[in-house]
Protein backbone atom coordinates (compact mmCIF):
# COMPACT_ATOMS: atom_id res chain seq x y z
CA MET A 1 -13.78 186.63 120.55
CA PHE A 2 -17.36 185.08 119.49
CA THR A 3 -18.58 188.63 119.47
CA ILE A 4 -16.08 190.24 117.39
CA ASN A 5 -16.43 190.87 113.51
CA PRO A 6 -13.46 189.44 112.13
CA PHE A 7 -13.79 191.08 108.72
CA ALA A 8 -13.99 194.44 110.32
CA GLU A 9 -10.67 193.92 112.05
CA MET A 10 -9.03 192.58 108.56
CA SER A 11 -10.26 195.84 106.89
CA ALA A 12 -7.26 197.34 108.22
CA TYR A 13 -5.17 195.42 105.54
CA ILE A 14 -7.95 194.41 102.72
CA PRO A 15 -10.34 197.37 101.79
CA ALA A 16 -14.00 196.75 102.58
CA ALA A 17 -14.54 197.09 98.75
CA VAL A 18 -12.31 194.38 98.01
CA MET A 19 -13.99 191.88 100.54
CA GLN A 20 -17.56 192.73 99.02
CA ALA A 21 -16.27 192.59 95.43
CA TYR A 22 -15.26 189.09 96.40
CA ILE A 23 -18.61 188.02 97.71
CA VAL A 24 -20.21 189.28 94.74
CA VAL A 25 -17.98 187.41 92.38
CA MET A 26 -18.54 184.19 94.66
CA VAL A 27 -22.31 184.75 94.14
CA LEU A 28 -21.91 185.01 90.10
CA PHE A 29 -19.69 181.71 90.21
CA VAL A 30 -22.57 180.11 91.91
CA ILE A 31 -25.25 181.06 89.47
CA GLY A 32 -23.00 180.51 86.61
CA GLY A 33 -21.79 176.95 87.65
CA THR A 34 -25.60 176.22 88.54
CA VAL A 35 -26.60 177.30 85.12
CA LEU A 36 -23.47 175.08 83.23
CA ASP A 37 -24.56 172.24 85.37
CA MET A 38 -28.07 172.28 84.44
CA LEU A 39 -26.85 172.63 80.66
CA HIS A 40 -24.31 170.08 80.79
CA LYS A 41 -26.59 167.18 82.65
CA LYS A 42 -29.58 168.69 81.08
CA SER A 43 -31.38 168.42 84.49
CA ALA A 44 -34.15 171.29 83.74
CA GLN A 45 -34.89 169.64 80.28
CA TYR A 46 -35.20 166.04 82.27
CA PHE A 47 -37.51 167.63 84.78
CA PHE A 48 -39.81 169.28 82.34
CA GLU A 49 -39.96 166.54 79.95
CA ASN A 50 -40.66 163.79 82.85
CA ALA A 51 -43.41 166.43 84.18
CA LYS A 52 -45.07 166.25 80.75
CA LYS A 53 -45.17 162.54 80.71
CA ALA A 54 -46.74 162.57 84.27
CA GLU A 55 -49.25 164.90 83.15
CA LYS A 56 -50.68 162.58 80.13
CA ALA A 57 -50.66 159.35 82.41
CA ALA A 58 -52.48 161.47 85.34
CA LYS A 59 -55.67 159.64 86.64
CA ARG A 60 -57.15 163.11 87.77
CA THR A 61 -56.61 166.75 88.08
CA VAL A 62 -54.77 168.39 90.92
CA SER A 63 -56.25 171.66 92.30
CA GLY A 64 -54.45 174.98 92.94
CA GLY A 65 -55.29 174.55 96.54
CA GLU A 66 -53.94 171.04 96.50
CA LYS A 67 -50.70 171.79 94.81
CA ALA A 68 -50.05 174.55 97.33
CA SER A 69 -50.66 172.18 100.26
CA LEU A 70 -48.29 169.73 98.57
CA ALA A 71 -45.71 172.65 98.06
CA ILE A 72 -46.14 173.39 101.99
CA GLN A 73 -45.40 169.94 102.77
CA THR A 74 -42.10 169.83 100.62
CA LEU A 75 -41.13 172.75 102.34
CA THR A 76 -41.72 171.64 105.75
CA ASN A 77 -40.58 167.93 105.22
CA GLU A 78 -37.73 167.58 102.59
CA VAL A 79 -36.59 171.17 102.65
CA LEU A 80 -36.80 172.33 106.40
CA THR A 81 -36.65 169.04 108.14
CA SER A 82 -34.78 166.62 105.87
CA ALA A 83 -37.54 164.18 106.49
CA GLU A 84 -36.44 162.05 103.54
CA PHE A 85 -33.46 160.62 105.20
CA ALA A 86 -34.46 157.35 106.78
CA ASN A 87 -31.29 157.00 108.80
CA PRO A 88 -31.90 159.48 111.94
CA LYS A 89 -28.06 160.05 112.23
CA ARG A 90 -27.85 161.08 108.63
CA ARG A 91 -30.69 163.47 108.87
CA ILE A 92 -29.38 165.12 112.09
CA SER A 93 -26.10 165.66 110.43
CA HIS A 94 -27.69 167.00 107.37
CA ILE A 95 -29.70 169.60 109.46
CA PHE A 96 -26.57 170.72 111.42
CA THR A 97 -24.63 171.09 108.25
CA MET A 98 -27.60 172.98 106.27
CA TYR A 99 -28.43 175.18 109.07
CA GLY A 100 -24.74 175.93 110.08
CA PHE A 101 -23.93 176.71 106.23
CA ILE A 102 -26.94 179.21 106.08
CA LEU A 103 -26.10 181.00 109.26
CA PHE A 104 -22.72 181.17 108.23
CA VAL A 105 -23.13 182.67 104.78
CA ALA A 106 -25.88 185.02 105.72
CA THR A 107 -23.93 186.55 108.50
CA THR A 108 -20.54 186.66 106.47
CA ALA A 109 -22.60 188.73 104.13
CA ILE A 110 -24.35 190.81 106.78
CA MET A 111 -20.79 191.77 108.36
CA ILE A 112 -19.16 192.29 105.02
CA PHE A 113 -21.65 194.41 103.60
CA ALA A 114 -23.09 196.17 106.63
CA TYR A 115 -20.65 196.55 109.13
CA PRO A 116 -17.32 196.32 106.91
CA THR A 117 -15.30 198.51 109.31
CA PRO A 118 -14.82 199.01 113.00
CA ALA A 119 -16.19 202.39 112.31
CA THR A 120 -19.47 200.74 112.10
CA PRO A 121 -19.44 198.56 115.27
CA THR A 122 -21.06 195.20 114.67
CA PRO A 123 -23.91 194.24 117.10
CA GLY A 124 -22.50 191.16 118.98
CA ILE A 125 -25.08 188.46 118.06
CA ILE A 126 -24.10 188.69 114.25
CA PRO A 127 -20.50 187.31 114.66
CA LEU A 128 -22.04 184.92 117.42
CA LEU A 129 -24.32 183.67 114.73
CA TRP A 130 -21.32 183.40 112.54
CA HIS A 131 -19.23 181.33 114.69
CA VAL A 132 -22.31 179.26 115.86
CA GLY A 133 -23.03 178.51 112.37
CA ALA A 134 -19.32 177.66 111.61
CA LEU A 135 -19.27 175.12 114.60
CA MET A 136 -22.76 173.63 113.62
CA LEU A 137 -21.35 172.84 110.14
CA CYS A 138 -18.29 171.53 111.29
CA PHE A 139 -20.16 169.45 113.71
CA GLY A 140 -22.47 167.90 111.16
CA GLY A 141 -19.88 167.92 108.27
CA TYR A 142 -17.25 165.88 110.29
CA TRP A 143 -19.83 163.35 111.65
CA PHE A 144 -20.56 162.82 108.17
CA TRP A 145 -17.42 162.42 107.14
CA PHE A 146 -15.81 160.27 109.63
CA SER A 147 -19.06 158.27 110.49
CA ILE A 148 -21.59 158.04 108.23
CA ARG A 149 -20.11 158.33 104.67
CA VAL A 150 -21.41 155.45 102.82
CA ASP A 151 -18.10 154.50 101.31
CA VAL A 152 -16.26 154.24 104.37
CA ASN A 153 -19.54 152.15 105.97
CA SER A 154 -20.05 150.01 103.17
CA GLU A 155 -17.11 149.59 100.93
CA ALA A 156 -14.44 149.73 103.49
CA LYS A 157 -12.76 152.64 101.93
CA LYS A 158 -10.26 154.87 104.20
CA TRP A 159 -11.51 158.26 105.22
CA TYR A 160 -8.96 160.16 103.29
CA LYS A 161 -9.54 158.67 99.84
CA LEU A 162 -11.05 161.43 97.99
CA ASP A 163 -12.87 161.51 94.64
CA ARG A 164 -14.17 164.41 92.53
CA ALA A 165 -17.67 163.90 94.45
CA ASP A 166 -16.21 164.81 97.67
CA LEU A 167 -15.11 168.33 96.22
CA PHE A 168 -18.12 169.86 97.76
CA VAL A 169 -18.00 168.73 101.43
CA VAL A 170 -14.09 168.87 101.78
CA SER A 171 -14.06 172.53 100.64
CA LEU A 172 -17.15 173.27 102.71
CA LEU A 173 -15.45 171.93 105.87
CA MET A 174 -12.27 173.37 104.98
CA THR A 175 -13.73 176.77 104.79
CA CYS A 176 -15.47 176.64 108.26
CA THR A 177 -12.52 175.32 110.01
CA PHE A 178 -10.01 177.76 108.68
CA ALA A 179 -12.63 180.49 109.35
CA LEU A 180 -12.77 179.50 112.97
CA ILE A 181 -8.70 179.13 113.32
CA TRP A 182 -8.34 182.60 111.93
CA SER A 183 -10.87 184.15 113.94
CA VAL A 184 -9.15 182.52 116.99
CA LEU A 185 -5.84 183.54 116.04
CA GLN A 186 -6.75 186.86 115.13
CA SER A 187 -8.24 187.34 118.56
CA ALA A 188 -5.30 186.29 120.13
CA GLY A 189 -2.87 188.56 118.07
CA VAL A 190 -1.14 185.90 116.79
CA SER A 191 -0.61 187.77 113.04
CA GLY A 192 1.53 185.49 111.24
CA LEU A 193 -0.47 182.28 111.80
CA SER A 194 -4.00 184.08 111.33
CA THR A 195 -2.97 185.61 108.07
CA LEU A 196 -2.15 182.01 106.90
CA ALA A 197 -5.45 180.68 108.32
CA PHE A 198 -7.27 183.78 106.61
CA VAL A 199 -5.35 182.69 103.10
CA LEU A 200 -6.46 179.35 103.27
CA PHE A 201 -10.16 180.03 104.33
CA ILE A 202 -10.40 182.50 101.17
CA LEU A 203 -8.73 179.57 99.31
CA SER A 204 -11.13 176.95 100.48
CA SER A 205 -14.25 178.85 100.04
CA THR A 206 -13.04 180.03 96.50
CA VAL A 207 -12.75 176.35 95.64
CA LEU A 208 -16.15 175.65 97.32
CA PHE A 209 -17.84 178.41 94.98
CA VAL A 210 -15.81 178.19 92.12
CA GLY A 211 -16.16 174.50 91.91
CA VAL A 212 -20.00 174.41 91.78
CA TYR A 213 -19.97 173.08 88.24
CA PHE A 214 -17.73 170.10 89.53
CA SER A 215 -19.26 169.47 92.76
CA LYS A 216 -22.74 168.59 94.42
CA PHE A 217 -23.45 172.05 95.26
CA ALA A 218 -25.96 172.41 92.42
CA HIS A 219 -28.13 169.73 93.51
CA MET A 220 -29.41 171.85 96.40
CA PHE A 221 -31.36 173.96 94.03
CA PHE A 222 -33.04 171.01 92.36
CA LYS A 223 -33.84 168.82 95.23
CA PRO A 224 -36.90 170.80 96.37
CA ALA A 225 -38.37 170.89 92.97
CA ALA A 226 -37.80 167.19 92.49
CA ALA A 227 -39.30 166.55 95.82
CA TYR A 228 -42.53 168.59 94.79
CA GLN A 229 -42.83 166.86 91.55
CA LYS A 230 -42.70 163.68 93.10
CA ARG A 231 -45.61 164.40 95.61
CA VAL A 232 -47.92 165.92 92.57
CA THR A 233 -47.18 162.66 90.89
CA ARG A 234 -48.46 160.57 93.73
CA ALA A 235 -51.44 162.86 94.04
CA ASP A 236 -52.84 162.69 90.31
CA GLY A 237 -52.14 159.02 89.99
CA SER A 238 -49.22 159.17 87.32
CA ASN A 239 -47.26 157.28 90.09
CA GLU A 240 -43.72 158.73 88.51
CA ASN A 241 -44.55 156.69 85.44
CA LEU A 242 -44.02 153.62 87.43
CA PRO A 243 -45.92 150.32 87.42
CA TYR A 244 -48.61 150.19 90.16
CA ASP A 245 -48.49 147.96 93.19
CA TYR A 246 -50.97 145.52 92.44
CA ASP A 247 -52.78 143.16 95.08
CA LEU A 248 -51.22 139.76 93.77
CA SER A 249 -54.21 137.71 95.15
CA ASP A 250 -56.88 139.85 93.21
CA PRO A 251 -58.49 137.79 90.50
CA ASP A 252 -58.54 140.61 88.14
CA VAL A 253 -54.81 140.93 88.41
CA HIS A 254 -54.52 137.18 87.70
CA LYS A 255 -56.79 137.61 84.55
CA ARG A 256 -54.37 140.65 83.38
CA PHE A 257 -50.79 138.70 84.40
CA PRO A 258 -51.75 135.18 83.85
CA ASP A 259 -48.22 134.04 84.97
CA ILE A 260 -48.75 135.21 88.41
CA PRO A 261 -50.93 132.11 89.66
CA GLU A 262 -48.58 129.81 87.32
CA TYR A 263 -45.62 130.58 89.23
CA MET A 264 -46.51 132.02 92.73
CA GLY A 265 -50.00 130.48 93.22
CA LYS A 266 -53.64 132.09 93.55
CA ASN A 267 -52.64 133.62 97.07
CA PRO A 268 -49.06 134.55 96.97
CA PRO A 269 -47.38 134.93 100.07
CA ASN A 270 -46.59 138.26 101.62
CA MET A 271 -42.82 138.47 100.80
CA GLY A 272 -42.31 140.94 103.77
CA LEU A 273 -40.55 144.48 103.91
CA GLY A 274 -37.57 142.90 101.51
CA ILE A 275 -34.22 145.44 102.02
CA LYS A 276 -36.18 147.28 104.57
CA ARG A 277 -35.85 144.33 106.92
CA GLU A 278 -32.52 145.69 107.82
CA SER A 279 -32.81 149.14 109.58
CA PRO A 280 -30.83 151.81 107.38
CA ASN A 281 -27.29 152.14 108.28
CA HIS A 282 -25.86 154.04 105.58
CA TYR A 283 -27.57 156.53 103.00
């Protein structure tokens, strides 16, 4: 079962050209939804305006080599290993979901475009990776949904309470869940139920990609750019246009801010880690 291309088997009922056209249309919806999201939220405008403010507040010039190094750090930390998540459970869940999604989408495209019919035998490794990707996504996604989701943990909401913000993760989980069910039923020769599972699989994937404008899908494209810009602002001294972390016992700081010694004394106590005293349990 795991080494059989389910799309090639489906080509007996749905022409390969139709499946390929569907993939192209979904890609166009993702591009269009992302662009509309950028225009509606003015994300790109905010990003570039914030970058200009940071340049004006910069204390030093970051060289091209240093920027390349920061880009590599962003790629290896925030993108490839999701190091920005302080909660290790959330990080592992995100990694399984992310790499599962990449495997699932990439192998789907390969099977539909390169091996669309039984006449072009599919190497067993490709459908195997397709199933593995779907299972990885389901593992990370359901772990997040039932155990890690911040609403459930901190606000005592029921796991089945849905908001528009849940459109992305729910449609993503349903897409891979019904894809696996369809593959199993098709391999078992249960034609009626496998057809129903396939219809639900296509419906879920359509909601996932067509609903980009209404979901969190588009944020995946902004996240690496924002993480890189954050590293640059730390390197050039602009500090993201935020106040600096002063030494409250420094006499020069007391001269600049006379109310510090008045209200906190000349040698203020170390206030500690504050909110970080509690190990992260949610986001």
